[in-house]
């Protein structure tokens, strides 16, 4: 009987010890399980705050340094796109109108020249005083005495607005070509200005023949866009050579 009691007590103690060990293990694992649960919960429904603000924004759930990173894709504003297209159309239209105006001006000059030759129209002139308001001597005398074609070109140049795209670019090309030319040492007091369809080049030819050599190569450049021009190469009262050009594309 005593042996039976001892055996039962031994079995009971083993069962009790096993039960206590299981309970202890559960308590030890619970903090980790809690942390894992928190982590899992932190990623569950991560789309919901963004979706609540703007459902159309895609979400990137990539983990960076233990934290989820939400990225919104960039979008193009349709209004800005339309505005850009409209501005480009206006720019293209302006370029087309400028070209048509240039052609019309040349046509006008041709017809007027024929009418002047026939004695049906009086030629237009500018007095030396009028020209000298914007053009210094000795170049002013060239325009004043150059006839209607020179006068009309000069008037067009003075009345034109400045095209800060084409004008600035062409002015730089002309100036750079002349200044860097091998015969540029024979040129002094160079002045170049360009506007919308026209350019003016003037200066002094200090070494005889320098400008003629430069001009011959200048008109052969692939960026040369001028279809009509008026050029004079002469000497002032002191015998100094000078040149004056009006160019129209």
C-alpha atoms as a PDB file:
ATOM      1  CA  UNK A   1       0.000   0.000   0.000  1.00  0.00           C
ATOM      2  CA  UNK A   2       2.834   2.346   0.954  1.00  0.00           C
ATOM      3  CA  UNK A   3       4.538   1.584  -2.384  1.00  0.00           C
ATOM      4  CA  UNK A   4       1.319   2.413  -4.256  1.00  0.00           C
ATOM      5  CA  UNK A   5       1.042   5.772  -2.504  1.00  0.00           C
ATOM      6  CA  UNK A   6       4.696   6.563  -3.318  1.00  0.00           C
ATOM      7  CA  UNK A   7       4.191   5.659  -7.001  1.00  0.00           C
ATOM      8  CA  UNK A   8       1.063   7.814  -7.293  1.00  0.00           C
ATOM      9  CA  UNK A   9       2.871  10.720  -5.614  1.00  0.00           C
ATOM     10  CA  UNK A  10       5.813  10.353  -8.041  1.00  0.00           C
ATOM     11  CA  UNK A  11       3.512  10.325 -11.086  1.00  0.00           C
ATOM     12  CA  UNK A  12       1.624  13.337  -9.743  1.00  0.00           C
ATOM     13  CA  UNK A  13       4.873  15.284  -9.183  1.00  0.00           C
ATOM     14  CA  UNK A  14       6.033  14.530 -12.754  1.00  0.00           C
ATOM     15  CA  UNK A  15       2.690  15.692 -14.179  1.00  0.00           C
ATOM     16  CA  UNK A  16       2.771  18.822 -12.054  1.00  0.00           C
ATOM     17  CA  UNK A  17       6.346  19.627 -13.121  1.00  0.00           C
ATOM     18  CA  UNK A  18       5.436  19.190 -16.807  1.00  0.00           C
ATOM     19  CA  UNK A  19       2.420  21.468 -16.421  1.00  0.00           C
ATOM     20  CA  UNK A  20       4.496  24.171 -14.717  1.00  0.00           C
ATOM     21  CA  UNK A  21       7.173  24.001 -17.428  1.00  0.00           C
ATOM     22  CA  UNK A  22       4.641  24.459 -20.191  1.00  0.00           C
ATOM     23  CA  UNK A  23       3.132  27.463 -18.461  1.00  0.00           C
ATOM     24  CA  UNK A  24       6.583  29.009 -17.950  1.00  0.00           C
ATOM     25  CA  UNK A  25       7.418  28.581 -21.650  1.00  0.00           C
ATOM     26  CA  UNK A  26       4.203  30.274 -22.690  1.00  0.00           C
ATOM     27  CA  UNK A  27       4.932  33.284 -20.466  1.00  0.00           C
ATOM     28  CA  UNK A  28       8.512  33.567 -21.775  1.00  0.00           C
ATOM     29  CA  UNK A  29       7.455  33.540 -25.431  1.00  0.00           C
ATOM     30  CA  UNK A  30       4.570  35.961 -25.025  1.00  0.00           C
ATOM     31  CA  UNK A  31       6.611  39.238 -25.163  1.00  0.00           C
ATOM     32  CA  UNK A  32       8.255  38.130 -28.437  1.00  0.00           C
ATOM     33  CA  UNK A  33       4.930  37.040 -29.822  1.00  0.00           C
ATOM     34  CA  UNK A  34       3.519  40.405 -28.783  1.00  0.00           C
ATOM     35  CA  UNK A  35       6.327  42.250 -30.554  1.00  0.00           C
ATOM     36  CA  UNK A  36       5.847  40.170 -33.692  1.00  0.00           C
ATOM     37  CA  UNK A  37       2.156  40.871 -33.559  1.00  0.00           C
ATOM     38  CA  UNK A  38       2.845  44.602 -33.287  1.00  0.00           C
ATOM     39  CA  UNK A  39       5.189  44.452 -36.243  1.00  0.00           C
ATOM     40  CA  UNK A  40       2.697  42.531 -38.296  1.00  0.00           C
ATOM     41  CA  UNK A  41      -0.053  44.925 -37.327  1.00  0.00           C
ATOM     42  CA  UNK A  42       2.134  47.881 -38.334  1.00  0.00           C
ATOM     43  CA  UNK A  43       2.237  46.592 -41.934  1.00  0.00           C
ATOM     44  CA  UNK A  44      -1.338  45.442 -42.139  1.00  0.00           C
ATOM     45  CA  UNK A  45      -3.486  48.013 -43.875  1.00  0.00           C
ATOM     46  CA  UNK A  46      -0.500  50.284 -44.611  1.00  0.00           C
ATOM     47  CA  UNK A  47      -2.236  51.333 -47.815  1.00  0.00           C
ATOM     48  CA  UNK A  48      -5.282  52.541 -45.994  1.00  0.00           C
ATOM     49  CA  UNK A  49      -3.996  55.967 -44.738  1.00  0.00           C
ATOM     50  CA  UNK A  50      -2.679  56.893 -48.196  1.00  0.00           C
ATOM     51  CA  UNK A  51      -5.724  55.497 -49.921  1.00  0.00           C
ATOM     52  CA  UNK A  52      -7.903  57.562 -47.633  1.00  0.00           C
ATOM     53  CA  UNK A  53      -6.094  60.723 -48.780  1.00  0.00           C
ATOM     54  CA  UNK A  54      -5.810  59.914 -52.473  1.00  0.00           C
ATOM     55  CA  UNK A  55      -6.722  56.430 -53.724  1.00  0.00           C
ATOM     56  CA  UNK A  56      -5.045  57.136 -57.097  1.00  0.00           C
ATOM     57  CA  UNK A  57      -1.530  57.374 -55.601  1.00  0.00           C
ATOM     58  CA  UNK A  58       0.368  54.079 -55.881  1.00  0.00           C
ATOM     59  CA  UNK A  59       2.124  52.903 -52.722  1.00  0.00           C
ATOM     60  CA  UNK A  60       5.537  51.260 -52.399  1.00  0.00           C
ATOM     61  CA  UNK A  61       5.780  49.081 -49.268  1.00  0.00           C
ATOM     62  CA  UNK A  62       9.571  48.749 -49.481  1.00  0.00           C
ATOM     63  CA  UNK A  63      11.289  48.573 -46.081  1.00  0.00           C
ATOM     64  CA  UNK A  64      14.083  51.074 -45.415  1.00  0.00           C
ATOM     65  CA  UNK A  65      15.867  50.936 -42.063  1.00  0.00           C
ATOM     66  CA  UNK A  66      13.037  48.983 -40.527  1.00  0.00           C
ATOM     67  CA  UNK A  67      10.393  51.469 -41.682  1.00  0.00           C
ATOM     68  CA  UNK A  68       8.034  51.272 -44.617  1.00  0.00           C
ATOM     69  CA  UNK A  69       8.512  53.974 -47.251  1.00  0.00           C
ATOM     70  CA  UNK A  70       5.541  55.304 -49.152  1.00  0.00           C
ATOM     71  CA  UNK A  71       6.307  56.751 -52.593  1.00  0.00           C
ATOM     72  CA  UNK A  72       3.867  58.716 -54.751  1.00  0.00           C
ATOM     73  CA  UNK A  73       4.543  58.742 -58.491  1.00  0.00           C
ATOM     74  CA  UNK A  74       5.020  62.110 -60.165  1.00  0.00           C
ATOM     75  CA  UNK A  75       2.230  63.229 -62.449  1.00  0.00           C
ATOM     76  CA  UNK A  76       2.146  65.766 -65.299  1.00  0.00           C
ATOM     77  CA  UNK A  77      -0.343  68.565 -64.964  1.00  0.00           C
ATOM     78  CA  UNK A  78      -2.536  68.445 -68.110  1.00  0.00           C
ATOM     79  CA  UNK A  79      -3.072  72.210 -67.920  1.00  0.00           C
ATOM     80  CA  UNK A  80       0.681  72.864 -68.157  1.00  0.00           C
ATOM     81  CA  UNK A  81       0.950  70.459 -71.085  1.00  0.00           C
ATOM     82  CA  UNK A  82      -1.814  72.262 -72.985  1.00  0.00           C
ATOM     83  CA  UNK A  83      -0.242  75.637 -72.246  1.00  0.00           C
ATOM     84  CA  UNK A  84       3.128  74.435 -73.536  1.00  0.00           C
ATOM     85  CA  UNK A  85       1.561  73.149 -76.761  1.00  0.00           C
ATOM     86  CA  UNK A  86      -0.277  76.437 -77.296  1.00  0.00           C
ATOM     87  CA  UNK A  87       2.908  78.454 -76.790  1.00  0.00           C
ATOM     88  CA  UNK A  88       4.762  76.280 -79.296  1.00  0.00           C
ATOM     89  CA  UNK A  89       1.981  76.788 -81.844  1.00  0.00           C
ATOM     90  CA  UNK A  90       2.187  80.559 -81.347  1.00  0.00           C
ATOM     91  CA  UNK A  91       5.957  80.442 -81.785  1.00  0.00           C
ATOM     92  CA  UNK A  92       5.627  78.439 -84.998  1.00  0.00           C
ATOM     93  CA  UNK A  93       2.961  80.840 -86.290  1.00  0.00           C
ATOM     94  CA  UNK A  94       5.150  83.840 -85.509  1.00  0.00           C
ATOM     95  CA  UNK A  95       8.056  82.307 -87.395  1.00  0.00           C
ATOM     96  CA  UNK A  96       5.804  81.639 -90.391  1.00  0.00           C
ATOM     97  CA  UNK A  97       4.439  85.204 -90.378  1.00  0.00           C
ATOM     98  CA  UNK A  98       7.952  86.659 -90.196  1.00  0.00           C
ATOM     99  CA  UNK A  99       8.982  84.647 -93.225  1.00  0.00           C
ATOM    100  CA  UNK A 100       5.878  85.704 -95.162  1.00  0.00           C
ATOM    101  CA  UNK A 101       6.472  89.346 -94.217  1.00  0.00           C
ATOM    102  CA  UNK A 102      10.062  89.155 -95.411  1.00  0.00           C
ATOM    103  CA  UNK A 103       8.944  87.738 -98.763  1.00  0.00           C
ATOM    104  CA  UNK A 104       6.236  90.411 -99.055  1.00  0.00           C
ATOM    105  CA  UNK A 105       8.756  93.172 -98.309  1.00  0.00           C
ATOM    106  CA  UNK A 106      11.094  91.982-101.046  1.00  0.00           C
ATOM    107  CA  UNK A 107       8.179  91.738-103.477  1.00  0.00           C
ATOM    108  CA  UNK A 108       7.147  95.269-102.545  1.00  0.00           C
ATOM    109  CA  UNK A 109      10.670  96.595-103.131  1.00  0.00           C
ATOM    110  CA  UNK A 110      10.882  94.921-106.554  1.00  0.00           C
ATOM    111  CA  UNK A 111       7.559  96.366-107.711  1.00  0.00           C
ATOM    112  CA  UNK A 112       8.363  99.817-106.352  1.00  0.00           C
ATOM    113  CA  UNK A 113      11.757  99.860-108.043  1.00  0.00           C
ATOM    114  CA  UNK A 114      10.112  99.150-111.403  1.00  0.00           C
ATOM    115  CA  UNK A 115       7.573 101.917-110.834  1.00  0.00           C
ATOM    116  CA  UNK A 116      10.345 104.357-109.939  1.00  0.00           C
ATOM    117  CA  UNK A 117      12.242 103.449-113.103  1.00  0.00           C
ATOM    118  CA  UNK A 118       9.069 104.076-115.080  1.00  0.00           C
ATOM    119  CA  UNK A 119       8.710 107.506-113.482  1.00  0.00           C
ATOM    120  CA  UNK A 120       5.357 106.623-111.918  1.00  0.00           C
ATOM    121  CA  UNK A 121       6.486 106.841-108.284  1.00  0.00           C
ATOM    122  CA  UNK A 122       8.795 109.299-106.552  1.00  0.00           C
ATOM    123  CA  UNK A 123      11.723 107.631-104.782  1.00  0.00           C
ATOM    124  CA  UNK A 124      12.041 107.958-101.034  1.00  0.00           C
ATOM    125  CA  UNK A 125      15.089 109.491 -99.438  1.00  0.00           C
ATOM    126  CA  UNK A 126      16.423 110.261 -95.991  1.00  0.00           C
ATOM    127  CA  UNK A 127      18.354 113.404 -95.285  1.00  0.00           C
ATOM    128  CA  UNK A 128      21.836 113.145 -93.849  1.00  0.00           C
ATOM    129  CA  UNK A 129      20.564 114.769 -90.647  1.00  0.00           C
ATOM    130  CA  UNK A 130      17.872 112.118 -90.243  1.00  0.00           C
ATOM    131  CA  UNK A 131      20.303 109.260 -90.718  1.00  0.00           C
ATOM    132  CA  UNK A 132      22.896 110.753 -88.378  1.00  0.00           C
ATOM    133  CA  UNK A 133      20.411 110.509 -85.499  1.00  0.00           C
ATOM    134  CA  UNK A 134      21.124 106.777 -85.302  1.00  0.00           C
ATOM    135  CA  UNK A 135      24.158 106.227 -87.544  1.00  0.00           C
ATOM    136  CA  UNK A 136      27.497 108.057 -87.196  1.00  0.00           C
ATOM    137  CA  UNK A 137      29.664 109.398 -90.024  1.00  0.00           C
ATOM    138  CA  UNK A 138      31.004 108.296 -92.420  1.00  0.00           C
ATOM    139  CA  UNK A 139      28.403 105.496 -92.572  1.00  0.00           C
ATOM    140  CA  UNK A 140      25.469 107.908 -92.463  1.00  0.00           C
ATOM    141  CA  UNK A 141      26.423 109.402 -95.815  1.00  0.00           C
ATOM    142  CA  UNK A 142      26.269 105.949 -97.416  1.00  0.00           C
ATOM    143  CA  UNK A 143      22.610 105.536 -96.408  1.00  0.00           C
ATOM    144  CA  UNK A 144      21.606 109.108 -97.218  1.00  0.00           C
ATOM    145  CA  UNK A 145      23.168 108.918-100.673  1.00  0.00           C
ATOM    146  CA  UNK A 146      22.517 105.251-101.338  1.00  0.00           C
ATOM    147  CA  UNK A 147      19.164 105.510-103.038  1.00  0.00           C
ATOM    148  CA  UNK A 148      15.741 104.130-102.122  1.00  0.00           C
ATOM    149  CA  UNK A 149      16.781 100.491-101.765  1.00  0.00           C
ATOM    150  CA  UNK A 150      19.415 101.349 -99.164  1.00  0.00           C
ATOM    151  CA  UNK A 151      17.007 103.745 -97.457  1.00  0.00           C
ATOM    152  CA  UNK A 152      14.256 101.121 -97.232  1.00  0.00           C
ATOM    153  CA  UNK A 153      16.617  98.541 -95.783  1.00  0.00           C
ATOM    154  CA  UNK A 154      17.841 101.033 -93.219  1.00  0.00           C
ATOM    155  CA  UNK A 155      14.272 102.000 -92.275  1.00  0.00           C
ATOM    156  CA  UNK A 156      13.310  98.352 -91.861  1.00  0.00           C
ATOM    157  CA  UNK A 157      16.283  97.797 -89.592  1.00  0.00           C
ATOM    158  CA  UNK A 158      15.447 100.794 -87.435  1.00  0.00           C
ATOM    159  CA  UNK A 159      11.736  99.945 -87.161  1.00  0.00           C
ATOM    160  CA  UNK A 160      12.143  96.239 -86.394  1.00  0.00           C
ATOM    161  CA  UNK A 161      11.780  94.812 -82.918  1.00  0.00           C
ATOM    162  CA  UNK A 162      14.624  92.756 -81.529  1.00  0.00           C
ATOM    163  CA  UNK A 163      14.294  88.980 -81.762  1.00  0.00           C
ATOM    164  CA  UNK A 164      16.338  87.923 -78.752  1.00  0.00           C
ATOM    165  CA  UNK A 165      16.595  84.354 -80.062  1.00  0.00           C
ATOM    166  CA  UNK A 166      17.529  84.682 -83.715  1.00  0.00           C
ATOM    167  CA  UNK A 167      18.970  88.202 -83.421  1.00  0.00           C
ATOM    168  CA  UNK A 168      21.287  87.451 -80.538  1.00  0.00           C
ATOM    169  CA  UNK A 169      22.433  84.168 -82.074  1.00  0.00           C
ATOM    170  CA  UNK A 170      23.174  85.625 -85.507  1.00  0.00           C
ATOM    171  CA  UNK A 171      24.888  88.677 -84.045  1.00  0.00           C
ATOM    172  CA  UNK A 172      27.220  86.416 -82.069  1.00  0.00           C
ATOM    173  CA  UNK A 173      27.996  84.239 -85.100  1.00  0.00           C
ATOM    174  CA  UNK A 174      28.818  87.220 -87.314  1.00  0.00           C
ATOM    175  CA  UNK A 175      30.952  88.934 -84.675  1.00  0.00           C
ATOM    176  CA  UNK A 176      32.849  85.797 -83.705  1.00  0.00           C
ATOM    177  CA  UNK A 177      33.605  84.909 -87.324  1.00  0.00           C
ATOM    178  CA  UNK A 178      35.035  88.356 -88.102  1.00  0.00           C
ATOM    179  CA  UNK A 179      36.964  88.762 -84.832  1.00  0.00           C
ATOM    180  CA  UNK A 180      38.582  85.315 -85.023  1.00  0.00           C
ATOM    181  CA  UNK A 181      39.407  85.478 -88.741  1.00  0.00           C
ATOM    182  CA  UNK A 182      43.070  85.399 -89.731  1.00  0.00           C
ATOM    183  CA  UNK A 183      42.734  88.849 -91.328  1.00  0.00           C
ATOM    184  CA  UNK A 184      40.890  90.425 -88.388  1.00  0.00           C
ATOM    185  CA  UNK A 185      43.988  92.496 -87.510  1.00  0.00           C
ATOM    186  CA  UNK A 186      43.114  94.653 -90.522  1.00  0.00           C
ATOM    187  CA  UNK A 187      39.670  95.530 -89.073  1.00  0.00           C
ATOM    188  CA  UNK A 188      38.943  98.182 -86.431  1.00  0.00           C
ATOM    189  CA  UNK A 189      35.873  99.714 -84.746  1.00  0.00           C
ATOM    190  CA  UNK A 190      33.739  96.739 -85.763  1.00  0.00           C
ATOM    191  CA  UNK A 191      30.029  97.014 -84.990  1.00  0.00           C
ATOM    192  CA  UNK A 192      27.436  94.255 -85.548  1.00  0.00           C
ATOM    193  CA  UNK A 193      23.759  94.421 -84.643  1.00  0.00           C
ATOM    194  CA  UNK A 194      20.882  92.118 -85.561  1.00  0.00           C
ATOM    195  CA  UNK A 195      17.147  92.397 -84.933  1.00  0.00           C
ATOM    196  CA  UNK A 196      14.360  90.242 -86.392  1.00  0.00           C
ATOM    197  CA  UNK A 197      15.083  89.792 -90.112  1.00  0.00           C
ATOM    198  CA  UNK A 198      18.063  92.116 -90.574  1.00  0.00           C
ATOM    199  CA  UNK A 199      21.644  92.694 -89.514  1.00  0.00           C
ATOM    200  CA  UNK A 200      24.006  95.646 -89.881  1.00  0.00           C
ATOM    201  CA  UNK A 201      27.801  95.304 -90.089  1.00  0.00           C
ATOM    202  CA  UNK A 202      30.153  98.280 -90.177  1.00  0.00           C
ATOM    203  CA  UNK A 203      33.771  99.045 -89.450  1.00  0.00           C
ATOM    204  CA  UNK A 204      37.086 100.339 -90.784  1.00  0.00           C
ATOM    205  CA  UNK A 205      39.423  98.496 -93.105  1.00  0.00           C
ATOM    206  CA  UNK A 206      42.835  99.505 -91.697  1.00  0.00           C
ATOM    207  CA  UNK A 207      44.758  97.067 -93.881  1.00  0.00           C
ATOM    208  CA  UNK A 208      43.656  97.214 -97.489  1.00  0.00           C
ATOM    209  CA  UNK A 209      41.893  94.080 -98.689  1.00  0.00           C
ATOM    210  CA  UNK A 210      41.245  92.639 -95.228  1.00  0.00           C
ATOM    211  CA  UNK A 211      37.479  93.096 -95.287  1.00  0.00           C
ATOM    212  CA  UNK A 212      37.057  91.776 -98.833  1.00  0.00           C
ATOM    213  CA  UNK A 213      38.846  88.544 -97.854  1.00  0.00           C
ATOM    214  CA  UNK A 214      36.750  88.144 -94.696  1.00  0.00           C
ATOM    215  CA  UNK A 215      33.458  88.890 -96.458  1.00  0.00           C
ATOM    216  CA  UNK A 216      34.182  86.371 -99.210  1.00  0.00           C
ATOM    217  CA  UNK A 217      34.463  83.562 -96.674  1.00  0.00           C
ATOM    218  CA  UNK A 218      31.693  84.896 -94.459  1.00  0.00           C
ATOM    219  CA  UNK A 219      28.954  84.497 -97.076  1.00  0.00           C
ATOM    220  CA  UNK A 220      30.016  80.853 -97.602  1.00  0.00           C
ATOM    221  CA  UNK A 221      29.259  79.768 -94.031  1.00  0.00           C
ATOM    222  CA  UNK A 222      26.487  77.155 -93.681  1.00  0.00           C
ATOM    223  CA  UNK A 223      24.651  79.322 -91.111  1.00  0.00           C
ATOM    224  CA  UNK A 224      24.477  82.293 -93.504  1.00  0.00           C
ATOM    225  CA  UNK A 225      20.726  82.938 -93.893  1.00  0.00           C
ATOM    226  CA  UNK A 226      20.550  86.220 -95.830  1.00  0.00           C
ATOM    227  CA  UNK A 227      18.897  86.393 -99.242  1.00  0.00           C
ATOM    228  CA  UNK A 228      19.360  90.100 -99.928  1.00  0.00           C
ATOM    229  CA  UNK A 229      21.978  92.645 -98.947  1.00  0.00           C
ATOM    230  CA  UNK A 230      23.397  96.059 -99.685  1.00  0.00           C
ATOM    231  CA  UNK A 231      27.122  96.558 -99.243  1.00  0.00           C
ATOM    232  CA  UNK A 232      29.394  99.570 -99.658  1.00  0.00           C
ATOM    233  CA  UNK A 233      33.173  99.731 -99.325  1.00  0.00           C
ATOM    234  CA  UNK A 234      34.610 103.223 -99.548  1.00  0.00           C
ATOM    235  CA  UNK A 235      37.071 105.763 -98.108  1.00  0.00           C
ATOM    236  CA  UNK A 236      36.381 108.705 -95.810  1.00  0.00           C
ATOM    237  CA  UNK A 237      37.784 112.243 -96.206  1.00  0.00           C
ATOM    238  CA  UNK A 238      41.090 111.190 -94.647  1.00  0.00           C
ATOM    239  CA  UNK A 239      41.506 108.239 -96.967  1.00  0.00           C
ATOM    240  CA  UNK A 240      40.617 105.607 -94.359  1.00  0.00           C
ATOM    241  CA  UNK A 241      38.800 102.600 -95.785  1.00  0.00           C
ATOM    242  CA  UNK A 242      35.445 101.634 -94.273  1.00  0.00           C
ATOM    243  CA  UNK A 243      32.626  99.219 -95.042  1.00  0.00           C
ATOM    244  CA  UNK A 244      28.884  99.155 -94.396  1.00  0.00           C
ATOM    245  CA  UNK A 245      26.488  96.226 -94.922  1.00  0.00           C
ATOM    246  CA  UNK A 246      22.747  95.789 -94.510  1.00  0.00           C
ATOM    247  CA  UNK A 247      21.633  92.144 -94.606  1.00  0.00           C
ATOM    248  CA  UNK A 248      18.080  90.767 -94.805  1.00  0.00           C
ATOM    249  CA  UNK A 249      17.029  87.130 -94.544  1.00  0.00           C
END
